[in-house]
Amino acid sequence: MQTRKSDFVPATVIRRGIEEDWRDVRRLHIKLALEFPLVVDVELNEVLGTPDGYWQNFVHTCALGTDQALFVAEVNGTCAGLGNVRLQDTLARLVMLYVEGSNRRTGLGPAL
């Protein structure tokens, strides 16, 4: 029997973001600004100029906060997507969802 490329499923994990994920979150925000500048309404220079402390604080707040959460999708040990959920009154709202282009249409978006 011949093995096809589609027979291989990459190892995928969806987990709650931790403080050490800040570099991946920054990297994915940069990719988001590059791919969808009109949708995101953020200039790439603004994202690139944002200090590391901002990203560290953002991820820290998401990792430890009670009013929002960051979920990370890892494919073969590499961060490939993220979702940010905020609690507003009694509703949980998806504020941002991003999956890298090469991992789209694989089910990561709905899983996040």
PDB file of N, CA and C in Angstrom:
ATOM      1  N   MET A   1       0.840  -1.179   0.000  1.00  0.00           N
ATOM      2  CA  MET A   1       0.000   0.000   0.000  1.00  0.00           C
ATOM      3  C   MET A   1       0.882   1.237   0.000  1.00  0.00           C
ATOM      4  N   GLN A   2       0.564   2.161  -0.862  1.00  0.00           N
ATOM      5  CA  GLN A   2       1.351   3.386  -0.980  1.00  0.00           C
ATOM      6  C   GLN A   2       0.855   4.412   0.032  1.00  0.00           C
ATOM      7  N   THR A   3       1.793   5.111   0.678  1.00  0.00           N
ATOM      8  CA  THR A   3       1.449   6.131   1.654  1.00  0.00           C
ATOM      9  C   THR A   3       1.351   7.482   0.950  1.00  0.00           C
ATOM     10  N   ARG A   4       0.282   8.197   1.226  1.00  0.00           N
ATOM     11  CA  ARG A   4       0.085   9.525   0.645  1.00  0.00           C
ATOM     12  C   ARG A   4       0.425  10.589   1.668  1.00  0.00           C
ATOM     13  N   LYS A   5       0.740  11.777   1.175  1.00  0.00           N
ATOM     14  CA  LYS A   5       1.057  12.897   2.065  1.00  0.00           C
ATOM     15  C   LYS A   5      -0.117  13.177   3.002  1.00  0.00           C
ATOM     16  N   SER A   6      -1.327  13.034   2.503  1.00  0.00           N
ATOM     17  CA  SER A   6      -2.512  13.313   3.315  1.00  0.00           C
ATOM     18  C   SER A   6      -2.709  12.299   4.436  1.00  0.00           C
ATOM     19  N   ASP A   7      -1.962  11.174   4.402  1.00  0.00           N
ATOM     20  CA  ASP A   7      -2.072  10.178   5.454  1.00  0.00           C
ATOM     21  C   ASP A   7      -1.349  10.608   6.735  1.00  0.00           C
ATOM     22  N   PHE A   8      -0.482  11.598   6.636  1.00  0.00           N
ATOM     23  CA  PHE A   8       0.273  12.066   7.789  1.00  0.00           C
ATOM     24  C   PHE A   8      -0.440  13.239   8.432  1.00  0.00           C
ATOM     25  N   VAL A   9      -0.733  13.118   9.713  1.00  0.00           N
ATOM     26  CA  VAL A   9      -1.394  14.183  10.457  1.00  0.00           C
ATOM     27  C   VAL A   9      -0.365  14.789  11.396  1.00  0.00           C
ATOM     28  N   PRO A  10      -0.104  16.102  11.285  1.00  0.00           N
ATOM     29  CA  PRO A  10       0.879  16.704  12.170  1.00  0.00           C
ATOM     30  C   PRO A  10       0.397  16.688  13.621  1.00  0.00           C
ATOM     31  N   ALA A  11       1.339  16.582  14.537  1.00  0.00           N
ATOM     32  CA  ALA A  11       1.012  16.616  15.960  1.00  0.00           C
ATOM     33  C   ALA A  11       0.528  18.017  16.309  1.00  0.00           C
ATOM     34  N   THR A  12      -0.718  18.122  16.763  1.00  0.00           N
ATOM     35  CA  THR A  12      -1.325  19.418  17.053  1.00  0.00           C
ATOM     36  C   THR A  12      -1.820  19.452  18.490  1.00  0.00           C
ATOM     37  N   VAL A  13      -1.540  20.576  19.159  1.00  0.00           N
ATOM     38  CA  VAL A  13      -1.968  20.777  20.537  1.00  0.00           C
ATOM     39  C   VAL A  13      -2.619  22.146  20.631  1.00  0.00           C
ATOM     40  N   ILE A  14      -3.775  22.215  21.264  1.00  0.00           N
ATOM     41  CA  ILE A  14      -4.414  23.486  21.597  1.00  0.00           C
ATOM     42  C   ILE A  14      -4.306  23.615  23.111  1.00  0.00           C
ATOM     43  N   ARG A  15      -3.723  24.716  23.575  1.00  0.00           N
ATOM     44  CA  ARG A  15      -3.517  24.880  25.015  1.00  0.00           C
ATOM     45  C   ARG A  15      -3.685  26.332  25.412  1.00  0.00           C
ATOM     46  N   ARG A  16      -3.834  26.537  26.695  1.00  0.00           N
ATOM     47  CA  ARG A  16      -3.891  27.892  27.241  1.00  0.00           C
ATOM     48  C   ARG A  16      -2.501  28.500  27.133  1.00  0.00           C
ATOM     49  N   GLY A  17      -2.448  29.759  26.719  1.00  0.00           N
ATOM     50  CA  GLY A  17      -1.171  30.454  26.590  1.00  0.00           C
ATOM     51  C   GLY A  17      -0.490  30.632  27.936  1.00  0.00           C
ATOM     52  N   ILE A  18       0.832  30.597  27.905  1.00  0.00           N
ATOM     53  CA  ILE A  18       1.640  30.828  29.103  1.00  0.00           C
ATOM     54  C   ILE A  18       2.544  32.024  28.839  1.00  0.00           C
ATOM     55  N   GLU A  19       3.123  32.562  29.904  1.00  0.00           N
ATOM     56  CA  GLU A  19       3.914  33.782  29.792  1.00  0.00           C
ATOM     57  C   GLU A  19       5.059  33.670  28.794  1.00  0.00           C
ATOM     58  N   GLU A  20       5.635  32.489  28.660  1.00  0.00           N
ATOM     59  CA  GLU A  20       6.762  32.303  27.750  1.00  0.00           C
ATOM     60  C   GLU A  20       6.356  32.375  26.285  1.00  0.00           C
ATOM     61  N   ASP A  21       5.077  32.462  25.991  1.00  0.00           N
ATOM     62  CA  ASP A  21       4.597  32.522  24.607  1.00  0.00           C
ATOM     63  C   ASP A  21       4.669  33.925  23.999  1.00  0.00           C
ATOM     64  N   TRP A  22       5.141  34.912  24.735  1.00  0.00           N
ATOM     65  CA  TRP A  22       5.070  36.293  24.256  1.00  0.00           C
ATOM     66  C   TRP A  22       5.791  36.493  22.921  1.00  0.00           C
ATOM     67  N   ARG A  23       6.911  35.831  22.705  1.00  0.00           N
ATOM     68  CA  ARG A  23       7.643  35.993  21.435  1.00  0.00           C
ATOM     69  C   ARG A  23       6.818  35.453  20.258  1.00  0.00           C
ATOM     70  N   ASP A  24       6.161  34.322  20.472  1.00  0.00           N
ATOM     71  CA  ASP A  24       5.308  33.756  19.422  1.00  0.00           C
ATOM     72  C   ASP A  24       4.109  34.646  19.151  1.00  0.00           C
ATOM     73  N   VAL A  25       3.529  35.212  20.199  1.00  0.00           N
ATOM     74  CA  VAL A  25       2.387  36.110  20.040  1.00  0.00           C
ATOM     75  C   VAL A  25       2.809  37.332  19.231  1.00  0.00           C
ATOM     76  N   ARG A  26       3.970  37.894  19.543  1.00  0.00           N
ATOM     77  CA  ARG A  26       4.490  39.045  18.786  1.00  0.00           C
ATOM     78  C   ARG A  26       4.699  38.657  17.323  1.00  0.00           C
ATOM     79  N   ARG A  27       5.338  37.512  17.087  1.00  0.00           N
ATOM     80  CA  ARG A  27       5.600  37.048  15.724  1.00  0.00           C
ATOM     81  C   ARG A  27       4.307  36.873  14.932  1.00  0.00           C
ATOM     82  N   LEU A  28       3.288  36.295  15.559  1.00  0.00           N
ATOM     83  CA  LEU A  28       2.015  36.089  14.865  1.00  0.00           C
ATOM     84  C   LEU A  28       1.295  37.407  14.610  1.00  0.00           C
ATOM     85  N   HIS A  29       1.418  38.372  15.515  1.00  0.00           N
ATOM     86  CA  HIS A  29       0.819  39.688  15.273  1.00  0.00           C
ATOM     87  C   HIS A  29       1.501  40.381  14.089  1.00  0.00           C
ATOM     88  N   ILE A  30       2.800  40.223  13.969  1.00  0.00           N
ATOM     89  CA  ILE A  30       3.520  40.803  12.830  1.00  0.00           C
ATOM     90  C   ILE A  30       3.033  40.155  11.536  1.00  0.00           C
ATOM     91  N   LYS A  31       2.901  38.836  11.525  1.00  0.00           N
ATOM     92  CA  LYS A  31       2.409  38.139  10.337  1.00  0.00           C
ATOM     93  C   LYS A  31       0.988  38.579   9.997  1.00  0.00           C
ATOM     94  N   LEU A  32       0.176  38.776  11.017  1.00  0.00           N
ATOM     95  CA  LEU A  32      -1.199  39.227  10.815  1.00  0.00           C
ATOM     96  C   LEU A  32      -1.211  40.611  10.165  1.00  0.00           C
ATOM     97  N   ALA A  33      -0.374  41.519  10.655  1.00  0.00           N
ATOM     98  CA  ALA A  33      -0.303  42.861  10.089  1.00  0.00           C
ATOM     99  C   ALA A  33       0.215  42.837   8.653  1.00  0.00           C
ATOM    100  N   LEU A  34       1.109  41.907   8.348  1.00  0.00           N
ATOM    101  CA  LEU A  34       1.631  41.782   6.981  1.00  0.00           C
ATOM    102  C   LEU A  34       0.582  41.229   6.020  1.00  0.00           C
ATOM    103  N   GLU A  35      -0.186  40.248   6.471  1.00  0.00           N
ATOM    104  CA  GLU A  35      -1.142  39.574   5.597  1.00  0.00           C
ATOM    105  C   GLU A  35      -2.452  40.324   5.409  1.00  0.00           C
ATOM    106  N   PHE A  36      -2.922  40.974   6.467  1.00  0.00           N
ATOM    107  CA  PHE A  36      -4.248  41.599   6.425  1.00  0.00           C
ATOM    108  C   PHE A  36      -4.215  43.039   6.942  1.00  0.00           C
ATOM    109  N   PRO A  37      -3.421  43.926   6.328  1.00  0.00           N
ATOM    110  CA  PRO A  37      -3.280  45.279   6.874  1.00  0.00           C
ATOM    111  C   PRO A  37      -4.586  46.069   6.914  1.00  0.00           C
ATOM    112  N   LEU A  38      -5.457  45.886   5.932  1.00  0.00           N
ATOM    113  CA  LEU A  38      -6.713  46.643   5.917  1.00  0.00           C
ATOM    114  C   LEU A  38      -7.714  46.117   6.925  1.00  0.00           C
ATOM    115  N   VAL A  39      -7.689  44.831   7.166  1.00  0.00           N
ATOM    116  CA  VAL A  39      -8.622  44.228   8.122  1.00  0.00           C
ATOM    117  C   VAL A  39      -8.199  44.543   9.545  1.00  0.00           C
ATOM    118  N   VAL A  40      -6.911  44.442   9.810  1.00  0.00           N
ATOM    119  CA  VAL A  40      -6.386  44.642  11.154  1.00  0.00           C
ATOM    120  C   VAL A  40      -6.364  46.119  11.515  1.00  0.00           C
ATOM    121  N   ASP A  41      -6.220  46.997  10.506  1.00  0.00           N
ATOM    122  CA  ASP A  41      -6.159  48.442  10.702  1.00  0.00           C
ATOM    123  C   ASP A  41      -5.010  48.832  11.639  1.00  0.00           C
ATOM    124  N   VAL A  42      -3.895  48.163  11.470  1.00  0.00           N
ATOM    125  CA  VAL A  42      -2.687  48.465  12.235  1.00  0.00           C
ATOM    126  C   VAL A  42      -1.534  48.498  11.245  1.00  0.00           C
ATOM    127  N   GLU A  43      -0.723  49.525  11.358  1.00  0.00           N
ATOM    128  CA  GLU A  43       0.429  49.604  10.481  1.00  0.00           C
ATOM    129  C   GLU A  43       1.527  48.683  10.976  1.00  0.00           C
ATOM    130  N   LEU A  44       2.247  48.102  10.040  1.00  0.00           N
ATOM    131  CA  LEU A  44       3.330  47.190  10.383  1.00  0.00           C
ATOM    132  C   LEU A  44       4.371  47.883  11.259  1.00  0.00           C
ATOM    133  N   ASN A  45       4.679  49.132  10.964  1.00  0.00           N
ATOM    134  CA  ASN A  45       5.658  49.870  11.782  1.00  0.00           C
ATOM    135  C   ASN A  45       5.210  49.977  13.231  1.00  0.00           C
ATOM    136  N   GLU A  46       3.908  50.090  13.433  1.00  0.00           N
ATOM    137  CA  GLU A  46       3.374  50.172  14.793  1.00  0.00           C
ATOM    138  C   GLU A  46       3.595  48.851  15.532  1.00  0.00           C
ATOM    139  N   VAL A  47       3.338  47.744  14.864  1.00  0.00           N
ATOM    140  CA  VAL A  47       3.538  46.435  15.485  1.00  0.00           C
ATOM    141  C   VAL A  47       5.025  46.196  15.738  1.00  0.00           C
ATOM    142  N   LEU A  48       5.855  46.508  14.739  1.00  0.00           N
ATOM    143  CA  LEU A  48       7.295  46.304  14.890  1.00  0.00           C
ATOM    144  C   LEU A  48       7.885  47.206  15.973  1.00  0.00           C
ATOM    145  N   GLY A  49       7.310  48.397  16.138  1.00  0.00           N
ATOM    146  CA  GLY A  49       7.818  49.347  17.123  1.00  0.00           C
ATOM    147  C   GLY A  49       7.294  49.131  18.529  1.00  0.00           C
ATOM    148  N   THR A  50       6.378  48.205  18.698  1.00  0.00           N
ATOM    149  CA  THR A  50       5.828  47.939  20.029  1.00  0.00           C
ATOM    150  C   THR A  50       6.901  47.253  20.876  1.00  0.00           C
ATOM    151  N   PRO A  51       7.196  47.814  22.050  1.00  0.00           N
ATOM    152  CA  PRO A  51       8.261  47.225  22.875  1.00  0.00           C
ATOM    153  C   PRO A  51       7.915  45.828  23.386  1.00  0.00           C
ATOM    154  N   ASP A  52       8.966  45.051  23.640  1.00  0.00           N
ATOM    155  CA  ASP A  52       8.781  43.688  24.149  1.00  0.00           C
ATOM    156  C   ASP A  52       7.955  43.667  25.423  1.00  0.00           C
ATOM    157  N   GLY A  53       8.105  44.688  26.250  1.00  0.00           N
ATOM    158  CA  GLY A  53       7.358  44.758  27.504  1.00  0.00           C
ATOM    159  C   GLY A  53       5.855  44.732  27.297  1.00  0.00           C
ATOM    160  N   TYR A  54       5.381  45.316  26.198  1.00  0.00           N
ATOM    161  CA  TYR A  54       3.952  45.292  25.895  1.00  0.00           C
ATOM    162  C   TYR A  54       3.488  43.859  25.664  1.00  0.00           C
ATOM    163  N   TRP A  55       4.243  43.120  24.831  1.00  0.00           N
ATOM    164  CA  TRP A  55       3.867  41.744  24.514  1.00  0.00           C
ATOM    165  C   TRP A  55       3.953  40.863  25.745  1.00  0.00           C
ATOM    166  N   GLN A  56       4.975  41.084  26.561  1.00  0.00           N
ATOM    167  CA  GLN A  56       5.128  40.309  27.791  1.00  0.00           C
ATOM    168  C   GLN A  56       3.947  40.565  28.727  1.00  0.00           C
ATOM    169  N   ASN A  57       3.549  41.840  28.864  1.00  0.00           N
ATOM    170  CA  ASN A  57       2.430  42.184  29.735  1.00  0.00           C
ATOM    171  C   ASN A  57       1.111  41.632  29.187  1.00  0.00           C
ATOM    172  N   PHE A  58       0.921  41.728  27.872  1.00  0.00           N
ATOM    173  CA  PHE A  58      -0.306  41.222  27.255  1.00  0.00           C
ATOM    174  C   PHE A  58      -0.465  39.727  27.522  1.00  0.00           C
ATOM    175  N   VAL A  59       0.590  38.967  27.263  1.00  0.00           N
ATOM    176  CA  VAL A  59       0.521  37.518  27.452  1.00  0.00           C
ATOM    177  C   VAL A  59       0.408  37.175  28.931  1.00  0.00           C
ATOM    178  N   HIS A  60       1.095  37.918  29.791  1.00  0.00           N
ATOM    179  CA  HIS A  60       0.993  37.702  31.232  1.00  0.00           C
ATOM    180  C   HIS A  60      -0.451  37.898  31.694  1.00  0.00           C
ATOM    181  N   THR A  61      -1.074  38.974  31.242  1.00  0.00           N
ATOM    182  CA  THR A  61      -2.463  39.257  31.613  1.00  0.00           C
ATOM    183  C   THR A  61      -3.399  38.160  31.115  1.00  0.00           C
ATOM    184  N   CYS A  62      -3.176  37.696  29.896  1.00  0.00           N
ATOM    185  CA  CYS A  62      -4.018  36.622  29.339  1.00  0.00           C
ATOM    186  C   CYS A  62      -3.783  35.302  30.060  1.00  0.00           C
ATOM    187  N   ALA A  63      -2.530  35.037  30.424  1.00  0.00           N
ATOM    188  CA  ALA A  63      -2.194  33.756  31.047  1.00  0.00           C
ATOM    189  C   ALA A  63      -2.716  33.667  32.474  1.00  0.00           C
ATOM    190  N   LEU A  64      -2.696  34.781  33.175  1.00  0.00           N
ATOM    191  CA  LEU A  64      -3.043  34.747  34.593  1.00  0.00           C
ATOM    192  C   LEU A  64      -4.366  35.432  34.915  1.00  0.00           C
ATOM    193  N   GLY A  65      -4.900  36.193  33.978  1.00  0.00           N
ATOM    194  CA  GLY A  65      -6.113  36.948  34.244  1.00  0.00           C
ATOM    195  C   GLY A  65      -7.360  36.087  34.324  1.00  0.00           C
ATOM    196  N   THR A  66      -8.381  36.654  34.931  1.00  0.00           N
ATOM    197  CA  THR A  66      -9.655  35.945  35.047  1.00  0.00           C
ATOM    198  C   THR A  66     -10.687  36.467  34.054  1.00  0.00           C
ATOM    199  N   ASP A  67     -10.380  37.600  33.381  1.00  0.00           N
ATOM    200  CA  ASP A  67     -11.345  38.172  32.447  1.00  0.00           C
ATOM    201  C   ASP A  67     -10.969  37.971  30.986  1.00  0.00           C
ATOM    202  N   GLN A  68      -9.826  37.333  30.725  1.00  0.00           N
ATOM    203  CA  GLN A  68      -9.469  36.993  29.356  1.00  0.00           C
ATOM    204  C   GLN A  68      -8.507  35.814  29.335  1.00  0.00           C
ATOM    205  N   ALA A  69      -8.436  35.174  28.173  1.00  0.00           N
ATOM    206  CA  ALA A  69      -7.559  34.012  28.018  1.00  0.00           C
ATOM    207  C   ALA A  69      -6.961  34.025  26.622  1.00  0.00           C
ATOM    208  N   LEU A  70      -5.780  33.485  26.539  1.00  0.00           N
ATOM    209  CA  LEU A  70      -5.099  33.325  25.266  1.00  0.00           C
ATOM    210  C   LEU A  70      -4.944  31.825  25.029  1.00  0.00           C
ATOM    211  N   PHE A  71      -5.374  31.377  23.858  1.00  0.00           N
ATOM    212  CA  PHE A  71      -5.216  29.978  23.493  1.00  0.00           C
ATOM    213  C   PHE A  71      -4.242  29.888  22.332  1.00  0.00           C
ATOM    214  N   VAL A  72      -3.359  28.911  22.386  1.00  0.00           N
ATOM    215  CA  VAL A  72      -2.290  28.756  21.408  1.00  0.00           C
ATOM    216  C   VAL A  72      -2.446  27.405  20.712  1.00  0.00           C
ATOM    217  N   ALA A  73      -2.267  27.414  19.399  1.00  0.00           N
ATOM    218  CA  ALA A  73      -2.252  26.174  18.623  1.00  0.00           C
ATOM    219  C   ALA A  73      -0.809  25.875  18.250  1.00  0.00           C
ATOM    220  N   GLU A  74      -0.341  24.705  18.631  1.00  0.00           N
ATOM    221  CA  GLU A  74       1.005  24.259  18.277  1.00  0.00           C
ATOM    222  C   GLU A  74       0.898  23.123  17.275  1.00  0.00           C
ATOM    223  N   VAL A  75       1.636  23.247  16.194  1.00  0.00           N
ATOM    224  CA  VAL A  75       1.715  22.187  15.195  1.00  0.00           C
ATOM    225  C   VAL A  75       3.171  21.748  15.138  1.00  0.00           C
ATOM    226  N   ASN A  76       3.384  20.488  15.442  1.00  0.00           N
ATOM    227  CA  ASN A  76       4.739  19.932  15.505  1.00  0.00           C
ATOM    228  C   ASN A  76       5.657  20.770  16.395  1.00  0.00           C
ATOM    229  N   GLY A  77       5.129  21.245  17.517  1.00  0.00           N
ATOM    230  CA  GLY A  77       5.920  21.977  18.493  1.00  0.00           C
ATOM    231  C   GLY A  77       6.137  23.443  18.189  1.00  0.00           C
ATOM    232  N   THR A  78       5.542  23.958  17.109  1.00  0.00           N
ATOM    233  CA  THR A  78       5.699  25.362  16.737  1.00  0.00           C
ATOM    234  C   THR A  78       4.349  26.064  16.822  1.00  0.00           C
ATOM    235  N   CYS A  79       4.347  27.246  17.397  1.00  0.00           N
ATOM    236  CA  CYS A  79       3.122  28.034  17.526  1.00  0.00           C
ATOM    237  C   CYS A  79       2.633  28.425  16.135  1.00  0.00           C
ATOM    238  N   ALA A  80       1.430  28.003  15.787  1.00  0.00           N
ATOM    239  CA  ALA A  80       0.893  28.232  14.450  1.00  0.00           C
ATOM    240  C   ALA A  80      -0.382  29.063  14.457  1.00  0.00           C
ATOM    241  N   GLY A  81      -0.923  29.355  15.634  1.00  0.00           N
ATOM    242  CA  GLY A  81      -2.135  30.139  15.705  1.00  0.00           C
ATOM    243  C   GLY A  81      -2.460  30.520  17.131  1.00  0.00           C
ATOM    244  N   LEU A  82      -3.336  31.515  17.260  1.00  0.00           N
ATOM    245  CA  LEU A  82      -3.745  31.938  18.592  1.00  0.00           C
ATOM    246  C   LEU A  82      -5.146  32.509  18.557  1.00  0.00           C
ATOM    247  N   GLY A  83      -5.777  32.444  19.699  1.00  0.00           N
ATOM    248  CA  GLY A  83      -7.103  33.015  19.881  1.00  0.00           C
ATOM    249  C   GLY A  83      -7.158  33.722  21.215  1.00  0.00           C
ATOM    250  N   ASN A  84      -7.709  34.937  21.214  1.00  0.00           N
ATOM    251  CA  ASN A  84      -7.835  35.734  22.433  1.00  0.00           C
ATOM    252  C   ASN A  84      -9.320  35.871  22.750  1.00  0.00           C
ATOM    253  N   VAL A  85      -9.708  35.432  23.939  1.00  0.00           N
ATOM    254  CA  VAL A  85     -11.103  35.466  24.379  1.00  0.00           C
ATOM    255  C   VAL A  85     -11.201  36.359  25.601  1.00  0.00           C
ATOM    256  N   ARG A  86     -12.188  37.264  25.593  1.00  0.00           N
ATOM    257  CA  ARG A  86     -12.421  38.149  26.743  1.00  0.00           C
ATOM    258  C   ARG A  86     -13.822  37.929  27.289  1.00  0.00           C
ATOM    259  N   LEU A  87     -13.908  37.981  28.603  1.00  0.00           N
ATOM    260  CA  LEU A  87     -15.187  37.850  29.283  1.00  0.00           C
ATOM    261  C   LEU A  87     -15.782  39.245  29.440  1.00  0.00           C
ATOM    262  N   GLN A  88     -16.994  39.437  28.906  1.00  0.00           N
ATOM    263  CA  GLN A  88     -17.718  40.697  29.045  1.00  0.00           C
ATOM    264  C   GLN A  88     -19.063  40.381  29.676  1.00  0.00           C
ATOM    265  N   ASP A  89     -19.191  40.771  30.921  1.00  0.00           N
ATOM    266  CA  ASP A  89     -20.358  40.412  31.728  1.00  0.00           C
ATOM    267  C   ASP A  89     -20.437  38.888  31.802  1.00  0.00           C
ATOM    268  N   THR A  90     -21.461  38.298  31.212  1.00  0.00           N
ATOM    269  CA  THR A  90     -21.591  36.836  31.272  1.00  0.00           C
ATOM    270  C   THR A  90     -21.261  36.158  29.943  1.00  0.00           C
ATOM    271  N   LEU A  91     -20.762  36.940  28.966  1.00  0.00           N
ATOM    272  CA  LEU A  91     -20.453  36.392  27.650  1.00  0.00           C
ATOM    273  C   LEU A  91     -18.947  36.317  27.424  1.00  0.00           C
ATOM    274  N   ALA A  92     -18.502  35.235  26.835  1.00  0.00           N
ATOM    275  CA  ALA A  92     -17.111  35.119  26.400  1.00  0.00           C
ATOM    276  C   ALA A  92     -17.079  35.487  24.926  1.00  0.00           C
ATOM    277  N   ARG A  93     -16.273  36.477  24.586  1.00  0.00           N
ATOM    278  CA  ARG A  93     -16.203  36.960  23.211  1.00  0.00           C
ATOM    279  C   ARG A  93     -14.825  36.698  22.619  1.00  0.00           C
ATOM    280  N   LEU A  94     -14.821  36.175  21.408  1.00  0.00           N
ATOM    281  CA  LEU A  94     -13.583  35.973  20.682  1.00  0.00           C
ATOM    282  C   LEU A  94     -13.151  37.329  20.141  1.00  0.00           C
ATOM    283  N   VAL A  95     -12.036  37.837  20.636  1.00  0.00           N
ATOM    284  CA  VAL A  95     -11.556  39.158  20.254  1.00  0.00           C
ATOM    285  C   VAL A  95     -10.655  39.074  19.036  1.00  0.00           C
ATOM    286  N   MET A  96      -9.834  38.030  18.985  1.00  0.00           N
ATOM    287  CA  MET A  96      -8.919  37.875  17.880  1.00  0.00           C
ATOM    288  C   MET A  96      -8.633  36.407  17.651  1.00  0.00           C
ATOM    289  N   LEU A  97      -8.540  36.039  16.389  1.00  0.00           N
ATOM    290  CA  LEU A  97      -8.194  34.674  16.002  1.00  0.00           C
ATOM    291  C   LEU A  97      -7.269  34.781  14.807  1.00  0.00           C
ATOM    292  N   TYR A  98      -6.143  34.094  14.873  1.00  0.00           N
ATOM    293  CA  TYR A  98      -5.218  34.095  13.756  1.00  0.00           C
ATOM    294  C   TYR A  98      -4.551  32.734  13.647  1.00  0.00           C
ATOM    295  N   VAL A  99      -4.516  32.216  12.421  1.00  0.00           N
ATOM    296  CA  VAL A  99      -3.826  30.968  12.111  1.00  0.00           C
ATOM    297  C   VAL A  99      -2.903  31.259  10.939  1.00  0.00           C
ATOM    298  N   GLU A 100      -1.647  30.831  11.048  1.00  0.00           N
ATOM    299  CA  GLU A 100      -0.691  31.037   9.951  1.00  0.00           C
ATOM    300  C   GLU A 100      -1.223  30.433   8.663  1.00  0.00           C
ATOM    301  N   GLY A 101      -0.883  31.059   7.555  1.00  0.00           N
ATOM    302  CA  GLY A 101      -1.387  30.652   6.248  1.00  0.00           C
ATOM    303  C   GLY A 101      -1.187  29.183   5.921  1.00  0.00           C
ATOM    304  N   SER A 102      -0.033  28.637   6.239  1.00  0.00           N
ATOM    305  CA  SER A 102       0.246  27.244   5.891  1.00  0.00           C
ATOM    306  C   SER A 102      -0.560  26.245   6.733  1.00  0.00           C
ATOM    307  N   ASN A 103      -1.208  26.736   7.794  1.00  0.00           N
ATOM    308  CA  ASN A 103      -1.989  25.850   8.661  1.00  0.00           C
ATOM    309  C   ASN A 103      -3.489  26.139   8.585  1.00  0.00           C
ATOM    310  N   ARG A 104      -3.877  26.986   7.683  1.00  0.00           N
ATOM    311  CA  ARG A 104      -5.309  27.275   7.532  1.00  0.00           C
ATOM    312  C   ARG A 104      -5.997  26.104   6.857  1.00  0.00           C
ATOM    313  N   ARG A 105      -7.286  25.993   7.099  1.00  0.00           N
ATOM    314  CA  ARG A 105      -8.121  24.912   6.549  1.00  0.00           C
ATOM    315  C   ARG A 105      -7.721  23.539   7.062  1.00  0.00           C
ATOM    316  N   THR A 106      -7.139  23.529   8.254  1.00  0.00           N
ATOM    317  CA  THR A 106      -6.766  22.256   8.883  1.00  0.00           C
ATOM    318  C   THR A 106      -7.569  22.010  10.153  1.00  0.00           C
ATOM    319  N   GLY A 107      -8.459  22.944  10.496  1.00  0.00           N
ATOM    320  CA  GLY A 107      -9.284  22.799  11.692  1.00  0.00           C
ATOM    321  C   GLY A 107      -8.739  23.540  12.905  1.00  0.00           C
ATOM    322  N   LEU A 108      -7.611  24.257  12.756  1.00  0.00           N
ATOM    323  CA  LEU A 108      -7.051  24.980  13.908  1.00  0.00           C
ATOM    324  C   LEU A 108      -7.952  26.129  14.360  1.00  0.00           C
ATOM    325  N   GLY A 109      -8.502  26.861  13.399  1.00  0.00           N
ATOM    326  CA  GLY A 109      -9.366  27.995  13.739  1.00  0.00           C
ATOM    327  C   GLY A 109     -10.538  27.592  14.615  1.00  0.00           C
ATOM    328  N   PRO A 110     -11.353  26.637  14.168  1.00  0.00           N
ATOM    329  CA  PRO A 110     -12.467  26.197  15.014  1.00  0.00           C
ATOM    330  C   PRO A 110     -12.005  25.590  16.341  1.00  0.00           C
ATOM    331  N   ALA A 111     -10.851  24.926  16.339  1.00  0.00           N
ATOM    332  CA  ALA A 111     -10.356  24.325  17.578  1.00  0.00           C
ATOM    333  C   ALA A 111      -9.964  25.387  18.592  1.00  0.00           C
ATOM    334  N   LEU A 112      -9.407  26.502  18.087  1.00  0.00           N
ATOM    335  CA  LEU A 112      -9.054  27.593  18.994  1.00  0.00           C
ATOM    336  C   LEU A 112     -10.291  28.254  19.557  1.00  0.00           C
TER     337      LEU A 112
END
